[in-house]
Amino acid sequence: MRIRSLPEWKRALIFSSLGIGVALAFSGRKLAGAAVAGVGVGMLVSENREILGKVASELPRYLENTSRVMQIAAAVGERVAAARATHS
């Protein structure tokens, strides 16, 4: 089953809970973010069991890419902070 074939309310539930979960996690409320995102993941998996295997096999690559992006963002943040300190 493809995501597009799901009823609109299910797609809205899945994507809004994932989005809200990410927003909560980035705002520092990681436990609440994980709980809310879990609702979306649970609904997605309940509709399509094949996606769980695909996500599980792709997860290491996603985590590696995310880690790389976070390292780059941290380096940029450090450079901006250093530039501000020298110009203040």
N, C-alpha and C. Protein backbone atom coordinates (compact mmCIF):
# COMPACT_ATOMS: atom_id res chain seq x y z
N MET A 1 0.85 -1.18 0.00
CA MET A 1 0.00 0.00 0.00
C MET A 1 0.88 1.24 0.00
N ARG A 2 0.55 2.14 -0.82
CA ARG A 2 1.31 3.39 -0.90
C ARG A 2 0.66 4.43 0.00
N ILE A 3 1.46 5.40 0.42
CA ILE A 3 0.96 6.47 1.27
C ILE A 3 -0.16 7.22 0.58
N ARG A 4 -0.02 7.46 -0.69
CA ARG A 4 -1.02 8.24 -1.42
C ARG A 4 -2.36 7.54 -1.50
N SER A 5 -2.37 6.24 -1.34
CA SER A 5 -3.64 5.52 -1.40
C SER A 5 -4.38 5.53 -0.06
N LEU A 6 -3.76 6.04 0.98
CA LEU A 6 -4.41 6.13 2.29
C LEU A 6 -5.45 7.25 2.28
N PRO A 7 -6.49 7.11 3.11
CA PRO A 7 -7.43 8.21 3.24
C PRO A 7 -6.72 9.47 3.76
N GLU A 8 -7.26 10.62 3.42
CA GLU A 8 -6.60 11.88 3.78
C GLU A 8 -6.42 12.04 5.28
N TRP A 9 -7.39 11.60 6.07
CA TRP A 9 -7.27 11.78 7.52
C TRP A 9 -6.12 10.96 8.08
N LYS A 10 -5.86 9.78 7.49
CA LYS A 10 -4.74 8.97 7.96
C LYS A 10 -3.41 9.61 7.57
N ARG A 11 -3.33 10.12 6.35
CA ARG A 11 -2.11 10.81 5.93
C ARG A 11 -1.87 12.03 6.80
N ALA A 12 -2.94 12.78 7.10
CA ALA A 12 -2.80 13.96 7.95
C ALA A 12 -2.31 13.56 9.34
N LEU A 13 -2.86 12.50 9.89
CA LEU A 13 -2.43 12.03 11.21
C LEU A 13 -0.96 11.62 11.19
N ILE A 14 -0.58 10.86 10.19
CA ILE A 14 0.80 10.37 10.11
C ILE A 14 1.78 11.53 9.99
N PHE A 15 1.56 12.40 9.00
CA PHE A 15 2.54 13.45 8.75
C PHE A 15 2.51 14.56 9.80
N SER A 16 1.34 14.87 10.32
CA SER A 16 1.30 15.91 11.36
C SER A 16 1.95 15.42 12.65
N SER A 17 1.72 14.17 13.01
CA SER A 17 2.35 13.67 14.24
C SER A 17 3.86 13.56 14.07
N LEU A 18 4.32 13.17 12.89
CA LEU A 18 5.76 13.14 12.67
C LEU A 18 6.35 14.54 12.72
N GLY A 19 5.69 15.50 12.08
CA GLY A 19 6.17 16.88 12.09
C GLY A 19 6.16 17.50 13.47
N ILE A 20 5.08 17.30 14.20
CA ILE A 20 4.99 17.84 15.56
C ILE A 20 6.03 17.17 16.46
N GLY A 21 6.24 15.87 16.26
CA GLY A 21 7.24 15.16 17.04
C GLY A 21 8.64 15.71 16.82
N VAL A 22 8.96 15.99 15.56
CA VAL A 22 10.27 16.58 15.25
C VAL A 22 10.39 17.98 15.86
N ALA A 23 9.33 18.77 15.74
CA ALA A 23 9.35 20.13 16.30
C ALA A 23 9.54 20.09 17.82
N LEU A 24 8.84 19.19 18.48
CA LEU A 24 9.01 19.05 19.93
C LEU A 24 10.43 18.62 20.29
N ALA A 25 10.97 17.68 19.52
CA ALA A 25 12.32 17.22 19.81
C ALA A 25 13.33 18.34 19.65
N PHE A 26 13.20 19.15 18.60
CA PHE A 26 14.13 20.26 18.38
C PHE A 26 13.95 21.36 19.41
N SER A 27 12.76 21.47 20.00
CA SER A 27 12.54 22.50 21.01
C SER A 27 13.01 22.05 22.40
N GLY A 28 13.56 20.83 22.47
CA GLY A 28 14.12 20.36 23.73
C GLY A 28 13.22 19.39 24.47
N ARG A 29 12.02 19.15 23.98
CA ARG A 29 11.09 18.24 24.64
C ARG A 29 11.14 16.89 23.92
N LYS A 30 12.27 16.21 24.08
CA LYS A 30 12.55 15.00 23.32
C LYS A 30 11.59 13.86 23.64
N LEU A 31 11.25 13.67 24.90
CA LEU A 31 10.36 12.57 25.27
C LEU A 31 8.98 12.78 24.66
N ALA A 32 8.46 14.00 24.76
CA ALA A 32 7.16 14.30 24.16
C ALA A 32 7.23 14.15 22.64
N GLY A 33 8.33 14.60 22.05
CA GLY A 33 8.51 14.47 20.61
C GLY A 33 8.52 13.03 20.16
N ALA A 34 9.22 12.20 20.91
CA ALA A 34 9.27 10.78 20.56
C ALA A 34 7.90 10.13 20.69
N ALA A 35 7.15 10.52 21.71
CA ALA A 35 5.81 9.95 21.91
C ALA A 35 4.88 10.34 20.77
N VAL A 36 4.89 11.61 20.40
CA VAL A 36 4.00 12.08 19.34
C VAL A 36 4.41 11.49 18.00
N ALA A 37 5.71 11.46 17.72
CA ALA A 37 6.17 10.87 16.47
C ALA A 37 5.86 9.37 16.43
N GLY A 38 5.88 8.75 17.57
CA GLY A 38 5.55 7.32 17.65
C GLY A 38 4.15 7.01 17.17
N VAL A 39 3.23 7.94 17.38
CA VAL A 39 1.86 7.76 16.90
C VAL A 39 1.87 7.68 15.37
N GLY A 40 2.59 8.59 14.74
CA GLY A 40 2.66 8.58 13.28
C GLY A 40 3.34 7.34 12.75
N VAL A 41 4.43 6.96 13.37
CA VAL A 41 5.15 5.75 12.94
C VAL A 41 4.27 4.52 13.14
N GLY A 42 3.58 4.47 14.26
CA GLY A 42 2.69 3.33 14.53
C GLY A 42 1.58 3.23 13.50
N MET A 43 0.99 4.35 13.16
CA MET A 43 -0.08 4.35 12.15
C MET A 43 0.47 3.94 10.79
N LEU A 44 1.64 4.43 10.44
CA LEU A 44 2.25 4.10 9.16
C LEU A 44 2.56 2.61 9.08
N VAL A 45 3.13 2.06 10.13
CA VAL A 45 3.48 0.64 10.14
C VAL A 45 2.22 -0.22 10.14
N SER A 46 1.18 0.23 10.83
CA SER A 46 -0.06 -0.57 10.86
C SER A 46 -0.70 -0.64 9.48
N GLU A 47 -0.48 0.35 8.66
CA GLU A 47 -1.04 0.36 7.32
C GLU A 47 -0.17 -0.37 6.31
N ASN A 48 1.12 -0.44 6.56
CA ASN A 48 2.03 -1.02 5.58
C ASN A 48 3.19 -1.68 6.31
N ARG A 49 3.09 -2.94 6.54
CA ARG A 49 4.12 -3.66 7.29
C ARG A 49 5.44 -3.74 6.52
N GLU A 50 5.40 -3.68 5.20
CA GLU A 50 6.63 -3.75 4.41
C GLU A 50 7.53 -2.56 4.67
N ILE A 51 6.93 -1.42 4.99
CA ILE A 51 7.73 -0.21 5.18
C ILE A 51 8.64 -0.34 6.40
N LEU A 52 8.23 -1.12 7.39
CA LEU A 52 9.05 -1.31 8.58
C LEU A 52 10.38 -1.96 8.20
N GLY A 53 10.36 -2.97 7.36
CA GLY A 53 11.59 -3.62 6.92
C GLY A 53 12.47 -2.68 6.12
N LYS A 54 11.84 -1.89 5.27
CA LYS A 54 12.61 -0.94 4.45
C LYS A 54 13.26 0.12 5.33
N VAL A 55 12.51 0.65 6.28
CA VAL A 55 13.05 1.67 7.19
C VAL A 55 14.18 1.07 8.02
N ALA A 56 13.98 -0.15 8.50
CA ALA A 56 15.01 -0.79 9.33
C ALA A 56 16.30 -1.01 8.54
N SER A 57 16.18 -1.36 7.27
CA SER A 57 17.38 -1.58 6.48
C SER A 57 18.07 -0.28 6.09
N GLU A 58 17.31 0.80 5.96
CA GLU A 58 17.87 2.09 5.57
C GLU A 58 18.29 2.95 6.76
N LEU A 59 17.87 2.58 7.96
CA LEU A 59 18.11 3.40 9.15
C LEU A 59 19.59 3.72 9.38
N PRO A 60 20.51 2.78 9.27
CA PRO A 60 21.92 3.13 9.50
C PRO A 60 22.41 4.25 8.56
N ARG A 61 22.00 4.19 7.31
CA ARG A 61 22.41 5.22 6.36
C ARG A 61 21.81 6.57 6.73
N TYR A 62 20.53 6.57 7.11
CA TYR A 62 19.89 7.82 7.52
C TYR A 62 20.57 8.41 8.74
N LEU A 63 20.89 7.57 9.72
CA LEU A 63 21.54 8.05 10.94
C LEU A 63 22.92 8.61 10.64
N GLU A 64 23.63 7.95 9.75
CA GLU A 64 24.96 8.43 9.39
C GLU A 64 24.87 9.80 8.71
N ASN A 65 23.94 9.94 7.78
CA ASN A 65 23.76 11.22 7.10
C ASN A 65 23.32 12.31 8.06
N THR A 66 22.42 11.97 8.97
CA THR A 66 21.96 12.94 9.96
C THR A 66 23.11 13.37 10.86
N SER A 67 23.94 12.42 11.26
CA SER A 67 25.09 12.73 12.10
C SER A 67 26.03 13.68 11.38
N ARG A 68 26.26 13.44 10.10
CA ARG A 68 27.13 14.31 9.32
C ARG A 68 26.57 15.73 9.23
N VAL A 69 25.27 15.83 8.99
CA VAL A 69 24.62 17.15 8.91
C VAL A 69 24.73 17.88 10.24
N MET A 70 24.53 17.17 11.34
CA MET A 70 24.62 17.79 12.66
C MET A 70 26.05 18.26 12.95
N GLN A 71 27.04 17.49 12.54
CA GLN A 71 28.43 17.90 12.73
C GLN A 71 28.74 19.17 11.93
N ILE A 72 28.26 19.23 10.72
CA ILE A 72 28.46 20.43 9.89
C ILE A 72 27.77 21.62 10.52
N ALA A 73 26.54 21.43 10.98
CA ALA A 73 25.79 22.53 11.61
C ALA A 73 26.51 23.02 12.87
N ALA A 74 27.05 22.09 13.65
CA ALA A 74 27.78 22.48 14.86
C ALA A 74 29.03 23.27 14.51
N ALA A 75 29.74 22.84 13.46
CA ALA A 75 30.96 23.55 13.05
C ALA A 75 30.62 24.96 12.56
N VAL A 76 29.55 25.08 11.81
CA VAL A 76 29.12 26.40 11.34
C VAL A 76 28.74 27.28 12.53
N GLY A 77 28.02 26.71 13.49
CA GLY A 77 27.64 27.46 14.68
C GLY A 77 28.85 27.95 15.46
N GLU A 78 29.87 27.10 15.57
CA GLU A 78 31.09 27.49 16.27
C GLU A 78 31.80 28.63 15.55
N ARG A 79 31.84 28.56 14.21
CA ARG A 79 32.47 29.61 13.44
C ARG A 79 31.73 30.93 13.57
N VAL A 80 30.40 30.86 13.57
CA VAL A 80 29.60 32.09 13.73
C VAL A 80 29.83 32.68 15.11
N ALA A 81 29.86 31.83 16.14
CA ALA A 81 30.11 32.31 17.49
C ALA A 81 31.49 32.93 17.62
N ALA A 82 32.49 32.30 17.00
CA ALA A 82 33.85 32.84 17.04
C ALA A 82 33.93 34.17 16.30
N ALA A 83 33.24 34.28 15.17
CA ALA A 83 33.24 35.53 14.41
C ALA A 83 32.56 36.64 15.19
N ARG A 84 31.50 36.32 15.89
CA ARG A 84 30.82 37.31 16.72
C ARG A 84 31.70 37.79 17.87
N ALA A 85 32.43 36.82 18.44
CA ALA A 85 33.29 37.17 19.58
C ALA A 85 34.42 38.10 19.17
N THR A 86 34.95 37.91 17.97
CA THR A 86 36.06 38.75 17.54
C THR A 86 35.59 40.13 17.06
N HIS A 87 34.32 40.23 16.66
CA HIS A 87 33.79 41.50 16.17
C HIS A 87 33.07 42.30 17.27
N SER A 88 32.96 41.72 18.45
CA SER A 88 32.25 42.42 19.54
C SER A 88 33.17 43.32 20.32
